[in-house]
Amino acid sequence: MADRTSSSTSIKAERPEIMAVIADLEAYPSWASGIREFTVEETGEDGRPLRARLTFDGGPFSDTVGLAYEWQGDESVTWTLVDKGNVVTGLHGSYTLAEAGGGTEVTYELAVDVRVPMIGMVKRKAEKRIIDSALKGLKRHVES
């Protein structure tokens, strides 16, 4: 899973406000298209999720997977697949937040492996669509 796809957007809010939205996994279905359900299974001492189950509808694919999270304050969060789904066999993602002139630059990286054979270009295009949709939803939700 060496190839990752990434994209960034600028959001008119401070890092703690944005990271609070990112950490509220169970609210994702209200603002992130394609996310049907997020269930937090374990939280850390800071109240942020350590393990969660994600159910999504991703166009031709729908699946439920288990994810593990690592938080670096309000600077970044990474997640990795710990329970494979019927379709998803590998997943690694991250949000990185950097202060940027009156707002925050949010970068989302994602790498997904699926059971179905898929050429690299098609896979990256699908990852890019997921990332761009998530960033637009996050920006709209935080700035509203």
N, C-alpha and C. Protein backbone atom coordinates (compact mmCIF):
# COMPACT_ATOMS: atom_id res chain seq x y z
N MET A 1 0.84 -1.18 0.00
CA MET A 1 0.00 0.00 0.00
C MET A 1 0.89 1.24 0.00
N ALA A 2 1.86 1.28 -0.87
CA ALA A 2 2.80 2.40 -0.92
C ALA A 2 2.19 3.65 -1.52
N ASP A 3 1.35 3.50 -2.53
CA ASP A 3 0.75 4.65 -3.19
C ASP A 3 -0.36 5.25 -2.36
N ARG A 4 -0.26 6.54 -2.12
CA ARG A 4 -1.31 7.26 -1.40
C ARG A 4 -1.77 8.41 -2.26
N THR A 5 -3.02 8.78 -2.04
CA THR A 5 -3.59 9.93 -2.71
C THR A 5 -3.83 10.99 -1.66
N SER A 6 -3.58 12.26 -1.99
CA SER A 6 -3.81 13.31 -1.02
C SER A 6 -4.36 14.56 -1.69
N SER A 7 -5.01 15.37 -0.86
CA SER A 7 -5.54 16.65 -1.30
C SER A 7 -5.65 17.55 -0.08
N SER A 8 -5.71 18.85 -0.32
CA SER A 8 -5.78 19.82 0.78
C SER A 8 -6.85 20.86 0.51
N THR A 9 -7.31 21.48 1.60
CA THR A 9 -8.22 22.61 1.50
C THR A 9 -7.94 23.55 2.66
N SER A 10 -8.31 24.79 2.49
CA SER A 10 -8.16 25.79 3.54
C SER A 10 -9.52 26.00 4.19
N ILE A 11 -9.55 25.95 5.53
CA ILE A 11 -10.79 26.13 6.28
C ILE A 11 -10.62 27.32 7.22
N LYS A 12 -11.64 28.18 7.24
CA LYS A 12 -11.59 29.39 8.08
C LYS A 12 -11.98 29.04 9.52
N ALA A 13 -11.07 28.35 10.21
CA ALA A 13 -11.26 27.98 11.62
C ALA A 13 -9.90 27.56 12.17
N GLU A 14 -9.82 27.54 13.48
CA GLU A 14 -8.58 27.13 14.14
C GLU A 14 -8.50 25.60 14.23
N ARG A 15 -7.28 25.09 14.39
CA ARG A 15 -7.06 23.64 14.44
C ARG A 15 -7.91 22.92 15.49
N PRO A 16 -8.01 23.43 16.74
CA PRO A 16 -8.81 22.68 17.73
C PRO A 16 -10.27 22.51 17.32
N GLU A 17 -10.85 23.54 16.69
CA GLU A 17 -12.25 23.44 16.25
C GLU A 17 -12.41 22.39 15.16
N ILE A 18 -11.49 22.37 14.21
CA ILE A 18 -11.55 21.41 13.11
C ILE A 18 -11.30 19.99 13.62
N MET A 19 -10.30 19.83 14.49
CA MET A 19 -9.98 18.50 15.00
C MET A 19 -11.12 17.95 15.86
N ALA A 20 -11.86 18.83 16.54
CA ALA A 20 -13.02 18.37 17.31
C ALA A 20 -14.07 17.76 16.39
N VAL A 21 -14.25 18.36 15.21
CA VAL A 21 -15.20 17.81 14.24
C VAL A 21 -14.69 16.48 13.70
N ILE A 22 -13.40 16.42 13.37
CA ILE A 22 -12.81 15.18 12.86
C ILE A 22 -12.92 14.06 13.91
N ALA A 23 -12.73 14.39 15.18
CA ALA A 23 -12.75 13.39 16.25
C ALA A 23 -14.16 12.89 16.58
N ASP A 24 -15.17 13.62 16.17
CA ASP A 24 -16.56 13.22 16.44
C ASP A 24 -17.02 12.26 15.33
N LEU A 25 -16.46 11.07 15.34
CA LEU A 25 -16.71 10.10 14.27
C LEU A 25 -18.19 9.78 14.10
N GLU A 26 -18.91 9.68 15.20
CA GLU A 26 -20.31 9.27 15.12
C GLU A 26 -21.19 10.31 14.43
N ALA A 27 -20.69 11.54 14.27
CA ALA A 27 -21.45 12.58 13.56
C ALA A 27 -21.15 12.59 12.06
N TYR A 28 -20.18 11.82 11.59
CA TYR A 28 -19.81 11.83 10.17
C TYR A 28 -20.99 11.64 9.22
N PRO A 29 -21.93 10.72 9.50
CA PRO A 29 -23.03 10.54 8.54
C PRO A 29 -23.81 11.82 8.25
N SER A 30 -23.77 12.80 9.16
CA SER A 30 -24.51 14.04 8.95
C SER A 30 -23.80 15.00 8.00
N TRP A 31 -22.50 14.82 7.76
CA TRP A 31 -21.79 15.75 6.88
C TRP A 31 -20.86 15.10 5.86
N ALA A 32 -20.53 13.83 6.02
CA ALA A 32 -19.61 13.16 5.10
C ALA A 32 -20.39 12.21 4.20
N SER A 33 -20.48 12.54 2.93
CA SER A 33 -21.26 11.70 2.01
C SER A 33 -20.62 10.32 1.91
N GLY A 34 -21.46 9.31 1.83
CA GLY A 34 -20.99 7.94 1.71
C GLY A 34 -20.82 7.22 3.03
N ILE A 35 -20.78 7.96 4.14
CA ILE A 35 -20.63 7.33 5.46
C ILE A 35 -22.03 7.03 5.98
N ARG A 36 -22.32 5.76 6.16
CA ARG A 36 -23.64 5.37 6.65
C ARG A 36 -23.67 5.33 8.18
N GLU A 37 -22.58 4.80 8.79
CA GLU A 37 -22.55 4.69 10.25
C GLU A 37 -21.11 4.62 10.73
N PHE A 38 -20.87 5.25 11.88
CA PHE A 38 -19.58 5.18 12.56
C PHE A 38 -19.89 4.86 14.01
N THR A 39 -19.31 3.81 14.54
CA THR A 39 -19.52 3.43 15.93
C THR A 39 -18.17 3.39 16.63
N VAL A 40 -18.01 4.22 17.67
CA VAL A 40 -16.77 4.23 18.44
C VAL A 40 -16.81 3.06 19.42
N GLU A 41 -15.77 2.23 19.39
CA GLU A 41 -15.70 1.05 20.25
C GLU A 41 -14.78 1.25 21.45
N GLU A 42 -13.82 2.18 21.32
CA GLU A 42 -12.88 2.43 22.43
C GLU A 42 -12.37 3.85 22.31
N THR A 43 -12.26 4.53 23.44
CA THR A 43 -11.73 5.90 23.45
C THR A 43 -10.50 5.95 24.35
N GLY A 44 -9.67 6.96 24.11
CA GLY A 44 -8.50 7.19 24.94
C GLY A 44 -8.85 8.07 26.13
N GLU A 45 -7.87 8.35 26.95
CA GLU A 45 -8.07 9.20 28.14
C GLU A 45 -8.55 10.59 27.76
N ASP A 46 -8.20 11.07 26.57
CA ASP A 46 -8.62 12.39 26.11
C ASP A 46 -10.02 12.39 25.51
N GLY A 47 -10.66 11.20 25.48
CA GLY A 47 -12.01 11.09 24.95
C GLY A 47 -12.07 10.87 23.45
N ARG A 48 -10.94 10.91 22.79
CA ARG A 48 -10.91 10.70 21.34
C ARG A 48 -10.92 9.20 21.02
N PRO A 49 -11.51 8.85 19.88
CA PRO A 49 -11.60 7.43 19.51
C PRO A 49 -10.24 6.78 19.29
N LEU A 50 -10.12 5.54 19.78
CA LEU A 50 -8.94 4.72 19.50
C LEU A 50 -9.29 3.60 18.52
N ARG A 51 -10.52 3.09 18.64
CA ARG A 51 -11.02 2.05 17.72
C ARG A 51 -12.46 2.36 17.36
N ALA A 52 -12.81 2.10 16.09
CA ALA A 52 -14.17 2.36 15.64
C ALA A 52 -14.52 1.43 14.48
N ARG A 53 -15.81 1.28 14.24
CA ARG A 53 -16.32 0.53 13.09
C ARG A 53 -17.00 1.51 12.15
N LEU A 54 -16.64 1.41 10.89
CA LEU A 54 -17.14 2.30 9.85
C LEU A 54 -17.94 1.49 8.84
N THR A 55 -19.16 1.95 8.55
CA THR A 55 -19.96 1.38 7.47
C THR A 55 -20.14 2.47 6.43
N PHE A 56 -19.79 2.15 5.18
CA PHE A 56 -19.87 3.16 4.13
C PHE A 56 -20.51 2.57 2.88
N ASP A 57 -21.05 3.48 2.07
CA ASP A 57 -21.54 3.17 0.73
C ASP A 57 -20.65 3.95 -0.21
N GLY A 58 -19.77 3.28 -0.90
CA GLY A 58 -18.82 3.97 -1.78
C GLY A 58 -19.07 3.69 -3.24
N GLY A 59 -20.18 4.14 -3.75
CA GLY A 59 -20.48 3.90 -5.16
C GLY A 59 -20.75 2.42 -5.39
N PRO A 60 -19.85 1.75 -6.13
CA PRO A 60 -20.11 0.34 -6.40
C PRO A 60 -19.85 -0.57 -5.19
N PHE A 61 -19.18 -0.04 -4.16
CA PHE A 61 -18.83 -0.85 -3.00
C PHE A 61 -19.48 -0.33 -1.73
N SER A 62 -19.95 -1.25 -0.91
CA SER A 62 -20.40 -0.95 0.45
C SER A 62 -19.69 -1.93 1.36
N ASP A 63 -19.31 -1.48 2.55
CA ASP A 63 -18.55 -2.37 3.43
C ASP A 63 -18.59 -1.84 4.86
N THR A 64 -18.20 -2.70 5.79
CA THR A 64 -18.00 -2.34 7.19
C THR A 64 -16.61 -2.80 7.58
N VAL A 65 -15.83 -1.89 8.17
CA VAL A 65 -14.45 -2.19 8.55
C VAL A 65 -14.17 -1.68 9.96
N GLY A 66 -13.13 -2.21 10.58
CA GLY A 66 -12.66 -1.74 11.88
C GLY A 66 -11.40 -0.92 11.70
N LEU A 67 -11.33 0.23 12.37
CA LEU A 67 -10.21 1.15 12.26
C LEU A 67 -9.59 1.44 13.62
N ALA A 68 -8.28 1.64 13.64
CA ALA A 68 -7.56 2.08 14.83
C ALA A 68 -7.00 3.47 14.56
N TYR A 69 -7.07 4.35 15.57
CA TYR A 69 -6.68 5.75 15.43
C TYR A 69 -5.51 6.11 16.32
N GLU A 70 -4.65 7.01 15.82
CA GLU A 70 -3.57 7.61 16.60
C GLU A 70 -3.66 9.12 16.43
N TRP A 71 -3.76 9.82 17.56
CA TRP A 71 -3.95 11.28 17.56
C TRP A 71 -2.67 11.96 18.00
N GLN A 72 -2.29 13.02 17.31
CA GLN A 72 -1.17 13.88 17.67
C GLN A 72 -1.72 15.26 17.98
N GLY A 73 -2.31 15.41 19.16
CA GLY A 73 -2.89 16.69 19.56
C GLY A 73 -3.89 17.17 18.52
N ASP A 74 -3.79 18.46 18.18
CA ASP A 74 -4.67 19.03 17.15
C ASP A 74 -3.93 19.17 15.82
N GLU A 75 -2.76 18.50 15.71
CA GLU A 75 -1.96 18.60 14.49
C GLU A 75 -2.29 17.51 13.48
N SER A 76 -2.56 16.27 13.95
CA SER A 76 -2.82 15.21 12.98
C SER A 76 -3.50 14.02 13.63
N VAL A 77 -4.09 13.21 12.78
CA VAL A 77 -4.66 11.92 13.19
C VAL A 77 -4.41 10.95 12.04
N THR A 78 -4.05 9.72 12.39
CA THR A 78 -3.90 8.67 11.39
C THR A 78 -4.81 7.52 11.78
N TRP A 79 -5.26 6.78 10.77
CA TRP A 79 -6.06 5.60 11.04
C TRP A 79 -5.62 4.47 10.12
N THR A 80 -5.72 3.25 10.65
CA THR A 80 -5.35 2.07 9.89
C THR A 80 -6.43 1.00 10.06
N LEU A 81 -6.52 0.15 9.08
CA LEU A 81 -7.47 -0.94 9.10
C LEU A 81 -7.01 -2.01 10.08
N VAL A 82 -7.90 -2.42 10.99
CA VAL A 82 -7.60 -3.51 11.92
C VAL A 82 -8.55 -4.69 11.73
N ASP A 83 -9.71 -4.44 11.11
CA ASP A 83 -10.66 -5.50 10.79
C ASP A 83 -11.09 -5.33 9.35
N LYS A 84 -10.67 -6.27 8.49
CA LYS A 84 -11.01 -6.20 7.07
C LYS A 84 -12.51 -6.34 6.87
N GLY A 85 -12.97 -5.80 5.77
CA GLY A 85 -14.36 -5.96 5.38
C GLY A 85 -14.49 -7.00 4.29
N ASN A 86 -15.64 -7.06 3.67
CA ASN A 86 -15.85 -7.97 2.55
C ASN A 86 -15.14 -7.50 1.30
N VAL A 87 -14.95 -6.18 1.18
CA VAL A 87 -14.33 -5.59 0.00
C VAL A 87 -12.98 -4.98 0.34
N VAL A 88 -12.91 -4.20 1.42
CA VAL A 88 -11.69 -3.48 1.80
C VAL A 88 -10.73 -4.41 2.55
N THR A 89 -9.50 -4.51 2.02
CA THR A 89 -8.49 -5.38 2.62
C THR A 89 -7.31 -4.60 3.21
N GLY A 90 -7.24 -3.33 2.91
CA GLY A 90 -6.18 -2.48 3.44
C GLY A 90 -6.63 -1.04 3.41
N LEU A 91 -6.26 -0.28 4.43
CA LEU A 91 -6.67 1.13 4.47
C LEU A 91 -5.75 1.87 5.43
N HIS A 92 -5.27 2.99 4.98
CA HIS A 92 -4.48 3.88 5.82
C HIS A 92 -4.83 5.31 5.42
N GLY A 93 -5.15 6.13 6.41
CA GLY A 93 -5.50 7.51 6.11
C GLY A 93 -5.00 8.45 7.17
N SER A 94 -5.02 9.73 6.85
CA SER A 94 -4.61 10.74 7.83
C SER A 94 -5.18 12.10 7.47
N TYR A 95 -5.39 12.90 8.51
CA TYR A 95 -5.65 14.32 8.38
C TYR A 95 -4.48 15.02 9.05
N THR A 96 -3.92 16.02 8.38
CA THR A 96 -2.87 16.86 8.97
C THR A 96 -3.36 18.29 8.89
N LEU A 97 -3.29 19.00 10.03
CA LEU A 97 -3.77 20.38 10.12
C LEU A 97 -2.60 21.31 10.37
N ALA A 98 -2.48 22.36 9.56
CA ALA A 98 -1.40 23.33 9.70
C ALA A 98 -1.99 24.74 9.66
N GLU A 99 -1.53 25.58 10.58
CA GLU A 99 -2.01 26.97 10.59
C GLU A 99 -1.62 27.63 9.28
N ALA A 100 -2.57 28.42 8.74
CA ALA A 100 -2.32 29.08 7.46
C ALA A 100 -3.11 30.38 7.41
N GLY A 101 -2.45 31.48 7.62
CA GLY A 101 -3.01 32.82 7.47
C GLY A 101 -4.48 33.00 7.78
N GLY A 102 -4.86 33.01 9.03
CA GLY A 102 -6.24 33.25 9.42
C GLY A 102 -7.12 32.01 9.31
N GLY A 103 -6.54 30.88 9.09
CA GLY A 103 -7.31 29.65 9.00
C GLY A 103 -6.40 28.45 9.16
N THR A 104 -6.83 27.33 8.61
CA THR A 104 -6.07 26.09 8.74
C THR A 104 -6.06 25.36 7.40
N GLU A 105 -4.90 24.90 7.02
CA GLU A 105 -4.75 24.06 5.84
C GLU A 105 -4.92 22.61 6.29
N VAL A 106 -5.92 21.93 5.73
CA VAL A 106 -6.22 20.55 6.10
C VAL A 106 -5.84 19.65 4.93
N THR A 107 -4.94 18.70 5.20
CA THR A 107 -4.51 17.74 4.18
C THR A 107 -5.01 16.36 4.57
N TYR A 108 -5.64 15.69 3.63
CA TYR A 108 -6.18 14.35 3.82
C TYR A 108 -5.42 13.42 2.89
N GLU A 109 -4.82 12.37 3.46
CA GLU A 109 -4.15 11.33 2.67
C GLU A 109 -4.90 10.03 2.84
N LEU A 110 -4.97 9.24 1.77
CA LEU A 110 -5.71 7.98 1.84
C LEU A 110 -5.09 6.96 0.90
N ALA A 111 -4.99 5.72 1.38
CA ALA A 111 -4.60 4.58 0.56
C ALA A 111 -5.55 3.44 0.91
N VAL A 112 -6.19 2.87 -0.09
CA VAL A 112 -7.16 1.81 0.12
C VAL A 112 -6.82 0.64 -0.79
N ASP A 113 -6.88 -0.56 -0.25
CA ASP A 113 -6.76 -1.78 -1.04
C ASP A 113 -8.08 -2.52 -0.98
N VAL A 114 -8.48 -3.08 -2.10
CA VAL A 114 -9.74 -3.83 -2.17
C VAL A 114 -9.50 -5.21 -2.77
N ARG A 115 -10.43 -6.12 -2.48
CA ARG A 115 -10.33 -7.50 -2.99
C ARG A 115 -10.44 -7.57 -4.51
N VAL A 116 -11.19 -6.65 -5.08
CA VAL A 116 -11.42 -6.63 -6.51
C VAL A 116 -10.18 -6.09 -7.21
N PRO A 117 -9.65 -6.79 -8.21
CA PRO A 117 -8.49 -6.26 -8.93
C PRO A 117 -8.84 -4.90 -9.56
N MET A 118 -7.94 -3.94 -9.37
CA MET A 118 -8.20 -2.59 -9.87
C MET A 118 -6.87 -1.97 -10.30
N ILE A 119 -6.82 -1.40 -11.49
CA ILE A 119 -5.57 -0.78 -11.93
C ILE A 119 -5.32 0.49 -11.10
N GLY A 120 -4.06 0.83 -10.95
CA GLY A 120 -3.66 1.94 -10.09
C GLY A 120 -4.35 3.25 -10.38
N MET A 121 -4.49 3.59 -11.66
CA MET A 121 -5.09 4.85 -12.03
C MET A 121 -6.55 4.93 -11.56
N VAL A 122 -7.28 3.84 -11.72
CA VAL A 122 -8.69 3.80 -11.31
C VAL A 122 -8.78 3.89 -9.78
N LYS A 123 -7.88 3.17 -9.09
CA LYS A 123 -7.87 3.19 -7.62
C LYS A 123 -7.59 4.60 -7.10
N ARG A 124 -6.59 5.26 -7.67
CA ARG A 124 -6.26 6.63 -7.22
C ARG A 124 -7.39 7.60 -7.50
N LYS A 125 -8.09 7.42 -8.62
CA LYS A 125 -9.21 8.28 -8.96
C LYS A 125 -10.34 8.10 -7.93
N ALA A 126 -10.58 6.86 -7.51
CA ALA A 126 -11.60 6.59 -6.50
C ALA A 126 -11.19 7.20 -5.15
N GLU A 127 -9.90 7.04 -4.78
CA GLU A 127 -9.41 7.64 -3.54
C GLU A 127 -9.56 9.16 -3.59
N LYS A 128 -9.23 9.76 -4.72
CA LYS A 128 -9.32 11.21 -4.88
C LYS A 128 -10.77 11.69 -4.71
N ARG A 129 -11.72 10.92 -5.26
CA ARG A 129 -13.13 11.28 -5.13
C ARG A 129 -13.55 11.22 -3.65
N ILE A 130 -13.11 10.20 -2.92
CA ILE A 130 -13.42 10.07 -1.49
C ILE A 130 -12.83 11.24 -0.72
N ILE A 131 -11.57 11.55 -0.98
CA ILE A 131 -10.87 12.63 -0.28
C ILE A 131 -11.54 13.98 -0.54
N ASP A 132 -11.77 14.29 -1.81
CA ASP A 132 -12.35 15.59 -2.16
C ASP A 132 -13.75 15.75 -1.55
N SER A 133 -14.53 14.69 -1.58
CA SER A 133 -15.87 14.74 -0.98
C SER A 133 -15.78 14.97 0.53
N ALA A 134 -14.85 14.27 1.19
CA ALA A 134 -14.68 14.43 2.64
C ALA A 134 -14.22 15.84 2.99
N LEU A 135 -13.26 16.36 2.25
CA LEU A 135 -12.76 17.71 2.54
C LEU A 135 -13.85 18.77 2.32
N LYS A 136 -14.62 18.63 1.26
CA LYS A 136 -15.72 19.58 1.01
C LYS A 136 -16.75 19.51 2.13
N GLY A 137 -17.09 18.31 2.56
CA GLY A 137 -18.06 18.14 3.64
C GLY A 137 -17.53 18.71 4.95
N LEU A 138 -16.25 18.46 5.25
CA LEU A 138 -15.64 18.99 6.48
C LEU A 138 -15.64 20.51 6.45
N LYS A 139 -15.21 21.09 5.35
CA LYS A 139 -15.16 22.56 5.21
C LYS A 139 -16.57 23.16 5.39
N ARG A 140 -17.54 22.61 4.70
CA ARG A 140 -18.92 23.10 4.77
C ARG A 140 -19.43 23.00 6.21
N HIS A 141 -19.17 21.86 6.87
CA HIS A 141 -19.66 21.64 8.25
C HIS A 141 -19.01 22.60 9.24
N VAL A 142 -17.68 22.75 9.16
CA VAL A 142 -16.96 23.61 10.11
C VAL A 142 -17.31 25.07 9.89
N GLU A 143 -17.40 25.51 8.64
CA GLU A 143 -17.62 26.93 8.36
C GLU A 143 -19.08 27.36 8.45
N SER A 144 -20.00 26.41 8.59
CA SER A 144 -21.43 26.78 8.65
C SER A 144 -21.83 27.29 10.03
